[in-house]
Amino acid sequence: MYLTLENVTKIFPPRGGASEVTAVHKVNLDIEKGELITLLGPSGCGKTTTLRMIAGFEFPTSGEIILDDKPINSLPPHKREMSMVFQSYAIFPHLTVFENIAYGLNVQRLPKSVIATRVGKVMDLVHLEGYGDRAPTQLSGGQQQRVALARALVMEPKVLLMDEPLSNLDAKLREEMRTEIRRIQKELNITSVYVTHDQIEAMTLSDRIVVMNQGIIEQIGTPVEMYRFPNTRFVANFIG
């Protein structure tokens, strides 16, 4: 397997008089190279915490995260060869579209010619040709999301992580961007972990779905398996 979580647990310590919280409990997950896995569940089920542990923004209390046969628990985010697309886009308002996409490559101090080539390719991929000189304020929500996606992809990550990236878009745009994300993921054959609470999103995007509830995995399976053969009452109710 390409990306593996072995008995991963995250316990947040007591805060402000509240007792400790077990956000994720003994999660085991194997993800194949080129697969798109969706972590699906209601708010507070542990899906985003799991994604943040994969990214390196949180560290497991116990358990192991392994990428390409190498344990990565102790690595900081910038050394994990992963890119993340956030719910809020996190686009820099004072930079152009080109500068936003090129930001990570500039931090790596790559030659300008290499940066121009890689940014050009990824802008073509996400259908932003001709938008390089525009300011983020001149873009629609869907175009801003494409910029965020392009900025993640231009780093050529081993794993693409997406945290509810479509939740700020209207229904029609969400549907359009779902199709686009799946097209790009297939075209690049990039291993991807996608977090959502939207059942339709999960069913249309995923190779496999991981349904989470109260920090544990209820079921892992293809969209068809989830719909036809739910393992628990919770999965049956949540998938609908």
C-alpha atoms as a PDB file:
ATOM      1  CA  MET A   1       0.000   0.000   0.000  1.00  0.00           C
ATOM      2  CA  TYR A   2       1.090   3.553  -0.738  1.00  0.00           C
ATOM      3  CA  LEU A   3      -0.342   5.401   2.272  1.00  0.00           C
ATOM      4  CA  THR A   4      -1.123   3.503   5.478  1.00  0.00           C
ATOM      5  CA  LEU A   5      -2.590   4.496   8.829  1.00  0.00           C
ATOM      6  CA  GLU A   6      -1.943   1.920  11.550  1.00  0.00           C
ATOM      7  CA  ASN A   7      -3.945   2.212  14.791  1.00  0.00           C
ATOM      8  CA  VAL A   8      -3.849   5.999  14.580  1.00  0.00           C
ATOM      9  CA  THR A   9      -5.320   7.687  17.657  1.00  0.00           C
ATOM     10  CA  LYS A  10      -5.578  11.377  18.529  1.00  0.00           C
ATOM     11  CA  ILE A  11      -6.442  12.493  22.057  1.00  0.00           C
ATOM     12  CA  PHE A  12      -6.716  16.212  22.765  1.00  0.00           C
ATOM     13  CA  PRO A  13      -5.757  17.116  26.371  1.00  0.00           C
ATOM     14  CA  PRO A  14      -8.208  18.711  28.832  1.00  0.00           C
ATOM     15  CA  ARG A  15      -8.927  22.388  28.142  1.00  0.00           C
ATOM     16  CA  GLY A  16     -10.833  25.039  30.074  1.00  0.00           C
ATOM     17  CA  GLY A  17     -12.297  22.612  32.581  1.00  0.00           C
ATOM     18  CA  ALA A  18     -13.415  20.143  29.906  1.00  0.00           C
ATOM     19  CA  SER A  19     -12.095  16.577  29.988  1.00  0.00           C
ATOM     20  CA  GLU A  20      -9.774  15.139  27.322  1.00  0.00           C
ATOM     21  CA  VAL A  21     -11.312  14.338  23.938  1.00  0.00           C
ATOM     22  CA  THR A  22     -10.560  11.258  21.834  1.00  0.00           C
ATOM     23  CA  ALA A  23     -11.068  12.712  18.364  1.00  0.00           C
ATOM     24  CA  VAL A  24      -9.778   9.658  16.457  1.00  0.00           C
ATOM     25  CA  HIS A  25      -9.570   6.127  17.868  1.00  0.00           C
ATOM     26  CA  LYS A  26      -7.434   3.334  16.389  1.00  0.00           C
ATOM     27  CA  VAL A  27      -8.004   4.162  12.726  1.00  0.00           C
ATOM     28  CA  ASN A  28      -6.584   1.616  10.268  1.00  0.00           C
ATOM     29  CA  LEU A  29      -6.595   2.536   6.589  1.00  0.00           C
ATOM     30  CA  ASP A  30      -4.685   1.381   3.496  1.00  0.00           C
ATOM     31  CA  ILE A  31      -4.724   3.627   0.421  1.00  0.00           C
ATOM     32  CA  GLU A  32      -3.408   2.474  -2.947  1.00  0.00           C
ATOM     33  CA  LYS A  33      -1.349   4.647  -5.278  1.00  0.00           C
ATOM     34  CA  GLY A  34      -3.591   6.691  -7.569  1.00  0.00           C
ATOM     35  CA  GLU A  35      -6.704   6.071  -5.455  1.00  0.00           C
ATOM     36  CA  LEU A  36      -9.155   8.760  -4.342  1.00  0.00           C
ATOM     37  CA  ILE A  37     -10.419   8.028  -0.830  1.00  0.00           C
ATOM     38  CA  THR A  38     -13.134  10.122   0.803  1.00  0.00           C
ATOM     39  CA  LEU A  39     -13.456  10.490   4.570  1.00  0.00           C
ATOM     40  CA  LEU A  40     -17.200  10.975   5.071  1.00  0.00           C
ATOM     41  CA  GLY A  41     -19.161  11.684   8.220  1.00  0.00           C
ATOM     42  CA  PRO A  42     -21.016  14.294  10.276  1.00  0.00           C
ATOM     43  CA  SER A  43     -19.330  17.212  12.048  1.00  0.00           C
ATOM     44  CA  GLY A  44     -17.106  16.073  14.894  1.00  0.00           C
ATOM     45  CA  CYS A  45     -16.646  12.527  13.586  1.00  0.00           C
ATOM     46  CA  GLY A  46     -12.837  12.835  13.327  1.00  0.00           C
ATOM     47  CA  LYS A  47     -12.462  13.096   9.547  1.00  0.00           C
ATOM     48  CA  THR A  48     -10.710  16.482   9.480  1.00  0.00           C
ATOM     49  CA  THR A  49      -8.463  15.546  12.412  1.00  0.00           C
ATOM     50  CA  THR A  50      -7.461  12.397  10.492  1.00  0.00           C
ATOM     51  CA  LEU A  51      -6.662  14.500   7.408  1.00  0.00           C
ATOM     52  CA  ARG A  52      -4.648  16.975   9.506  1.00  0.00           C
ATOM     53  CA  MET A  53      -2.612  14.116  10.962  1.00  0.00           C
ATOM     54  CA  ILE A  54      -1.833  12.831   7.460  1.00  0.00           C
ATOM     55  CA  ALA A  55      -0.784  16.388   6.498  1.00  0.00           C
ATOM     56  CA  GLY A  56       1.352  16.856   9.613  1.00  0.00           C
ATOM     57  CA  PHE A  57      -0.686  19.721  11.106  1.00  0.00           C
ATOM     58  CA  GLU A  58      -1.542  17.426  14.024  1.00  0.00           C
ATOM     59  CA  PHE A  59       0.543  14.572  15.399  1.00  0.00           C
ATOM     60  CA  PRO A  60      -0.987  11.233  16.447  1.00  0.00           C
ATOM     61  CA  THR A  61      -1.102  10.433  20.155  1.00  0.00           C
ATOM     62  CA  SER A  62      -0.339   6.862  19.117  1.00  0.00           C
ATOM     63  CA  GLY A  63      -0.148   4.808  15.930  1.00  0.00           C
ATOM     64  CA  GLU A  64       1.851   5.146  12.724  1.00  0.00           C
ATOM     65  CA  ILE A  65       1.400   6.929   9.392  1.00  0.00           C
ATOM     66  CA  ILE A  66       3.442   5.416   6.557  1.00  0.00           C
ATOM     67  CA  LEU A  67       3.926   6.897   3.070  1.00  0.00           C
ATOM     68  CA  ASP A  68       5.673   4.907   0.366  1.00  0.00           C
ATOM     69  CA  ASP A  69       7.113   2.485   2.977  1.00  0.00           C
ATOM     70  CA  LYS A  70       8.532   5.312   5.139  1.00  0.00           C
ATOM     71  CA  PRO A  71       7.107   6.328   8.547  1.00  0.00           C
ATOM     72  CA  ILE A  72       6.290  10.056   8.463  1.00  0.00           C
ATOM     73  CA  ASN A  73       4.881  10.677  11.976  1.00  0.00           C
ATOM     74  CA  SER A  74       7.779  12.900  13.017  1.00  0.00           C
ATOM     75  CA  LEU A  75       8.105  14.828   9.728  1.00  0.00           C
ATOM     76  CA  PRO A  76       6.858  18.446   9.552  1.00  0.00           C
ATOM     77  CA  PRO A  77       4.253  19.226   6.861  1.00  0.00           C
ATOM     78  CA  HIS A  78       6.723  20.706   4.330  1.00  0.00           C
ATOM     79  CA  LYS A  79       8.770  17.497   4.305  1.00  0.00           C
ATOM     80  CA  ARG A  80       5.874  15.094   3.665  1.00  0.00           C
ATOM     81  CA  GLU A  81       5.585  15.716  -0.104  1.00  0.00           C
ATOM     82  CA  MET A  82       1.882  16.444   0.236  1.00  0.00           C
ATOM     83  CA  SER A  83      -0.266  19.408  -0.770  1.00  0.00           C
ATOM     84  CA  MET A  84      -3.515  20.532   0.815  1.00  0.00           C
ATOM     85  CA  VAL A  85      -6.528  22.349  -0.609  1.00  0.00           C
ATOM     86  CA  PHE A  86      -8.414  24.166   2.156  1.00  0.00           C
ATOM     87  CA  GLN A  87     -12.092  24.956   2.551  1.00  0.00           C
ATOM     88  CA  SER A  88     -11.315  28.700   2.575  1.00  0.00           C
ATOM     89  CA  TYR A  89      -9.107  28.565  -0.596  1.00  0.00           C
ATOM     90  CA  ALA A  90      -6.407  30.559   1.320  1.00  0.00           C
ATOM     91  CA  ILE A  91      -5.497  32.575  -1.793  1.00  0.00           C
ATOM     92  CA  PHE A  92      -3.223  35.597  -1.283  1.00  0.00           C
ATOM     93  CA  PRO A  93      -5.294  38.679  -2.286  1.00  0.00           C
ATOM     94  CA  HIS A  94      -2.234  40.839  -3.137  1.00  0.00           C
ATOM     95  CA  LEU A  95      -0.804  38.314  -5.644  1.00  0.00           C
ATOM     96  CA  THR A  96      -1.928  37.570  -9.201  1.00  0.00           C
ATOM     97  CA  VAL A  97      -3.260  34.154 -10.203  1.00  0.00           C
ATOM     98  CA  PHE A  98       0.180  33.219 -11.606  1.00  0.00           C
ATOM     99  CA  GLU A  99       1.970  34.413  -8.450  1.00  0.00           C
ATOM    100  CA  ASN A 100      -0.458  32.525  -6.208  1.00  0.00           C
ATOM    101  CA  ILE A 101       0.092  29.279  -8.094  1.00  0.00           C
ATOM    102  CA  ALA A 102       3.869  29.795  -8.232  1.00  0.00           C
ATOM    103  CA  TYR A 103       4.185  30.682  -4.536  1.00  0.00           C
ATOM    104  CA  GLY A 104       5.451  27.297  -3.303  1.00  0.00           C
ATOM    105  CA  LEU A 105       7.880  26.960  -6.205  1.00  0.00           C
ATOM    106  CA  ASN A 106       9.324  30.402  -5.429  1.00  0.00           C
ATOM    107  CA  VAL A 107       9.805  29.357  -1.812  1.00  0.00           C
ATOM    108  CA  GLN A 108      11.814  26.402  -3.140  1.00  0.00           C
ATOM    109  CA  ARG A 109      13.854  28.896  -5.219  1.00  0.00           C
ATOM    110  CA  LEU A 110      13.458  27.012  -8.459  1.00  0.00           C
ATOM    111  CA  PRO A 111      14.691  28.674 -11.690  1.00  0.00           C
ATOM    112  CA  LYS A 112      12.172  31.084 -13.246  1.00  0.00           C
ATOM    113  CA  SER A 113      12.027  29.062 -16.460  1.00  0.00           C
ATOM    114  CA  VAL A 114      11.080  25.893 -14.507  1.00  0.00           C
ATOM    115  CA  ILE A 115       8.451  27.815 -12.541  1.00  0.00           C
ATOM    116  CA  ALA A 116       6.944  29.290 -15.719  1.00  0.00           C
ATOM    117  CA  THR A 117       6.742  25.856 -17.364  1.00  0.00           C
ATOM    118  CA  ARG A 118       5.184  24.095 -14.372  1.00  0.00           C
ATOM    119  CA  VAL A 119       2.684  26.885 -13.668  1.00  0.00           C
ATOM    120  CA  GLY A 120       1.716  27.015 -17.347  1.00  0.00           C
ATOM    121  CA  LYS A 121       1.062  23.275 -17.447  1.00  0.00           C
ATOM    122  CA  VAL A 122      -1.057  23.246 -14.313  1.00  0.00           C
ATOM    123  CA  MET A 123      -3.055  26.306 -15.421  1.00  0.00           C
ATOM    124  CA  ASP A 124      -3.917  24.447 -18.629  1.00  0.00           C
ATOM    125  CA  LEU A 125      -4.879  21.393 -16.574  1.00  0.00           C
ATOM    126  CA  VAL A 126      -7.373  23.318 -14.404  1.00  0.00           C
ATOM    127  CA  HIS A 127      -8.621  25.439 -17.336  1.00  0.00           C
ATOM    128  CA  LEU A 128      -7.217  28.786 -16.172  1.00  0.00           C
ATOM    129  CA  GLU A 129      -5.424  29.611 -19.432  1.00  0.00           C
ATOM    130  CA  GLY A 130      -5.158  33.374 -19.873  1.00  0.00           C
ATOM    131  CA  TYR A 131      -5.976  34.174 -16.222  1.00  0.00           C
ATOM    132  CA  GLY A 132      -2.360  34.511 -15.006  1.00  0.00           C
ATOM    133  CA  ASP A 133      -2.363  38.314 -14.625  1.00  0.00           C
ATOM    134  CA  ARG A 134      -5.729  38.581 -12.904  1.00  0.00           C
ATOM    135  CA  ALA A 135      -6.219  39.462  -9.252  1.00  0.00           C
ATOM    136  CA  PRO A 136      -8.169  36.989  -7.060  1.00  0.00           C
ATOM    137  CA  THR A 137     -10.913  39.628  -6.638  1.00  0.00           C
ATOM    138  CA  GLN A 138     -11.600  39.388 -10.391  1.00  0.00           C
ATOM    139  CA  LEU A 139     -12.361  35.666 -10.161  1.00  0.00           C
ATOM    140  CA  SER A 140     -15.559  33.745  -9.435  1.00  0.00           C
ATOM    141  CA  GLY A 141     -15.724  31.281  -6.536  1.00  0.00           C
ATOM    142  CA  GLY A 142     -15.175  28.361  -8.893  1.00  0.00           C
ATOM    143  CA  GLN A 143     -12.149  30.030 -10.473  1.00  0.00           C
ATOM    144  CA  GLN A 144     -10.672  30.787  -7.047  1.00  0.00           C
ATOM    145  CA  GLN A 145     -11.071  27.122  -6.159  1.00  0.00           C
ATOM    146  CA  ARG A 146      -9.225  26.203  -9.362  1.00  0.00           C
ATOM    147  CA  VAL A 147      -6.371  28.505  -8.317  1.00  0.00           C
ATOM    148  CA  ALA A 148      -6.187  26.774  -4.932  1.00  0.00           C
ATOM    149  CA  LEU A 149      -6.187  23.379  -6.652  1.00  0.00           C
ATOM    150  CA  ALA A 150      -3.520  24.479  -9.150  1.00  0.00           C
ATOM    151  CA  ARG A 151      -1.304  25.811  -6.339  1.00  0.00           C
ATOM    152  CA  ALA A 152      -1.471  22.412  -4.661  1.00  0.00           C
ATOM    153  CA  LEU A 153      -0.870  20.420  -7.862  1.00  0.00           C
ATOM    154  CA  VAL A 154       2.063  22.521  -9.122  1.00  0.00           C
ATOM    155  CA  MET A 155       4.136  21.160  -6.207  1.00  0.00           C
ATOM    156  CA  GLU A 156       3.803  17.675  -7.763  1.00  0.00           C
ATOM    157  CA  PRO A 157       2.889  16.091  -4.421  1.00  0.00           C
ATOM    158  CA  LYS A 158       2.832  12.385  -3.688  1.00  0.00           C
ATOM    159  CA  VAL A 159      -0.555  12.863  -1.990  1.00  0.00           C
ATOM    160  CA  LEU A 160      -3.221  15.521  -2.567  1.00  0.00           C
ATOM    161  CA  LEU A 161      -5.315  16.358   0.512  1.00  0.00           C
ATOM    162  CA  MET A 162      -8.634  18.214   0.249  1.00  0.00           C
ATOM    163  CA  ASP A 163     -10.612  19.497   3.238  1.00  0.00           C
ATOM    164  CA  GLU A 164     -14.223  20.188   2.179  1.00  0.00           C
ATOM    165  CA  PRO A 165     -12.962  22.270  -0.777  1.00  0.00           C
ATOM    166  CA  LEU A 166     -16.379  22.803  -2.371  1.00  0.00           C
ATOM    167  CA  SER A 167     -18.441  23.777   0.671  1.00  0.00           C
ATOM    168  CA  ASN A 168     -18.332  27.519  -0.138  1.00  0.00           C
ATOM    169  CA  LEU A 169     -19.684  27.080  -3.671  1.00  0.00           C
ATOM    170  CA  ASP A 170     -23.307  27.097  -4.808  1.00  0.00           C
ATOM    171  CA  ALA A 171     -24.944  23.815  -5.855  1.00  0.00           C
ATOM    172  CA  LYS A 172     -24.352  24.179  -9.606  1.00  0.00           C
ATOM    173  CA  LEU A 173     -20.678  25.129  -9.168  1.00  0.00           C
ATOM    174  CA  ARG A 174     -20.175  22.311  -6.659  1.00  0.00           C
ATOM    175  CA  GLU A 175     -21.407  19.810  -9.221  1.00  0.00           C
ATOM    176  CA  GLU A 176     -19.145  21.273 -11.915  1.00  0.00           C
ATOM    177  CA  MET A 177     -16.069  21.302  -9.651  1.00  0.00           C
ATOM    178  CA  ARG A 178     -16.722  17.716  -8.471  1.00  0.00           C
ATOM    179  CA  THR A 179     -16.456  16.599 -12.088  1.00  0.00           C
ATOM    180  CA  GLU A 180     -13.323  18.702 -12.606  1.00  0.00           C
ATOM    181  CA  ILE A 181     -11.561  17.385  -9.495  1.00  0.00           C
ATOM    182  CA  ARG A 182     -12.278  13.797 -10.516  1.00  0.00           C
ATOM    183  CA  ARG A 183     -11.068  14.461 -14.090  1.00  0.00           C
ATOM    184  CA  ILE A 184      -7.808  16.032 -12.869  1.00  0.00           C
ATOM    185  CA  GLN A 185      -7.228  13.322 -10.256  1.00  0.00           C
ATOM    186  CA  LYS A 186      -7.681  10.579 -12.869  1.00  0.00           C
ATOM    187  CA  GLU A 187      -5.559  12.389 -15.443  1.00  0.00           C
ATOM    188  CA  LEU A 188      -2.641  12.780 -13.014  1.00  0.00           C
ATOM    189  CA  ASN A 189      -3.287   9.433 -11.279  1.00  0.00           C
ATOM    190  CA  ILE A 190      -2.564  11.232  -8.011  1.00  0.00           C
ATOM    191  CA  THR A 191      -3.258   9.597  -4.642  1.00  0.00           C
ATOM    192  CA  SER A 192      -5.907  11.760  -2.966  1.00  0.00           C
ATOM    193  CA  VAL A 193      -7.675  11.999   0.390  1.00  0.00           C
ATOM    194  CA  TYR A 194     -10.866  14.056   0.344  1.00  0.00           C
ATOM    195  CA  VAL A 195     -12.901  15.133   3.372  1.00  0.00           C
ATOM    196  CA  THR A 196     -16.615  15.929   3.157  1.00  0.00           C
ATOM    197  CA  HIS A 197     -19.905  15.613   5.029  1.00  0.00           C
ATOM    198  CA  ASP A 198     -21.788  15.612   1.691  1.00  0.00           C
ATOM    199  CA  GLN A 199     -22.958  12.117   0.740  1.00  0.00           C
ATOM    200  CA  ILE A 200     -23.510  12.959  -2.951  1.00  0.00           C
ATOM    201  CA  GLU A 201     -20.006  14.404  -3.206  1.00  0.00           C
ATOM    202  CA  ALA A 202     -18.541  11.245  -1.692  1.00  0.00           C
ATOM    203  CA  MET A 203     -20.599   8.912  -3.875  1.00  0.00           C
ATOM    204  CA  THR A 204     -19.702  10.666  -7.145  1.00  0.00           C
ATOM    205  CA  LEU A 205     -16.008  11.380  -6.474  1.00  0.00           C
ATOM    206  CA  SER A 206     -14.595   8.373  -4.680  1.00  0.00           C
ATOM    207  CA  ASP A 207     -12.930   5.112  -5.532  1.00  0.00           C
ATOM    208  CA  ARG A 208     -13.670   4.151  -1.923  1.00  0.00           C
ATOM    209  CA  ILE A 209     -15.473   5.851   0.948  1.00  0.00           C
ATOM    210  CA  VAL A 210     -14.465   5.738   4.619  1.00  0.00           C
ATOM    211  CA  VAL A 211     -17.505   6.460   6.804  1.00  0.00           C
ATOM    212  CA  MET A 212     -16.478   7.806  10.221  1.00  0.00           C
ATOM    213  CA  ASN A 213     -18.536   8.279  13.379  1.00  0.00           C
ATOM    214  CA  GLN A 214     -17.347   9.470  16.790  1.00  0.00           C
ATOM    215  CA  GLY A 215     -13.680   8.973  15.931  1.00  0.00           C
ATOM    216  CA  ILE A 216     -13.913   5.442  14.563  1.00  0.00           C
ATOM    217  CA  ILE A 217     -14.326   3.944  11.096  1.00  0.00           C
ATOM    218  CA  GLU A 218     -17.792   2.444  10.639  1.00  0.00           C
ATOM    219  CA  GLN A 219     -17.181   1.048   7.142  1.00  0.00           C
ATOM    220  CA  ILE A 220     -14.824   1.220   4.162  1.00  0.00           C
ATOM    221  CA  GLY A 221     -16.035   0.364   0.681  1.00  0.00           C
ATOM    222  CA  THR A 222     -16.871   1.498  -2.840  1.00  0.00           C
ATOM    223  CA  PRO A 223     -19.861   3.831  -3.300  1.00  0.00           C
ATOM    224  CA  VAL A 224     -21.947   0.876  -4.562  1.00  0.00           C
ATOM    225  CA  GLU A 225     -20.983  -1.298  -1.567  1.00  0.00           C
ATOM    226  CA  MET A 226     -21.864   1.519   0.830  1.00  0.00           C
ATOM    227  CA  TYR A 227     -25.260   2.043  -0.750  1.00  0.00           C
ATOM    228  CA  ARG A 228     -26.246  -1.598  -1.193  1.00  0.00           C
ATOM    229  CA  PHE A 229     -24.551  -3.287   1.751  1.00  0.00           C
ATOM    230  CA  PRO A 230     -24.194  -0.930   4.738  1.00  0.00           C
ATOM    231  CA  ASN A 231     -22.535  -2.683   7.695  1.00  0.00           C
ATOM    232  CA  THR A 232     -24.284  -0.697  10.412  1.00  0.00           C
ATOM    233  CA  ARG A 233     -27.496   1.220  11.005  1.00  0.00           C
ATOM    234  CA  PHE A 234     -25.449   4.438  11.176  1.00  0.00           C
ATOM    235  CA  VAL A 235     -23.992   3.897   7.697  1.00  0.00           C
ATOM    236  CA  ALA A 236     -27.424   3.008   6.280  1.00  0.00           C
ATOM    237  CA  ASN A 237     -28.980   6.175   7.732  1.00  0.00           C
ATOM    238  CA  PHE A 238     -26.073   8.450   6.817  1.00  0.00           C
ATOM    239  CA  ILE A 239     -25.691   7.262   3.221  1.00  0.00           C
ATOM    240  CA  GLY A 240     -29.471   7.336   2.849  1.00  0.00           C
END
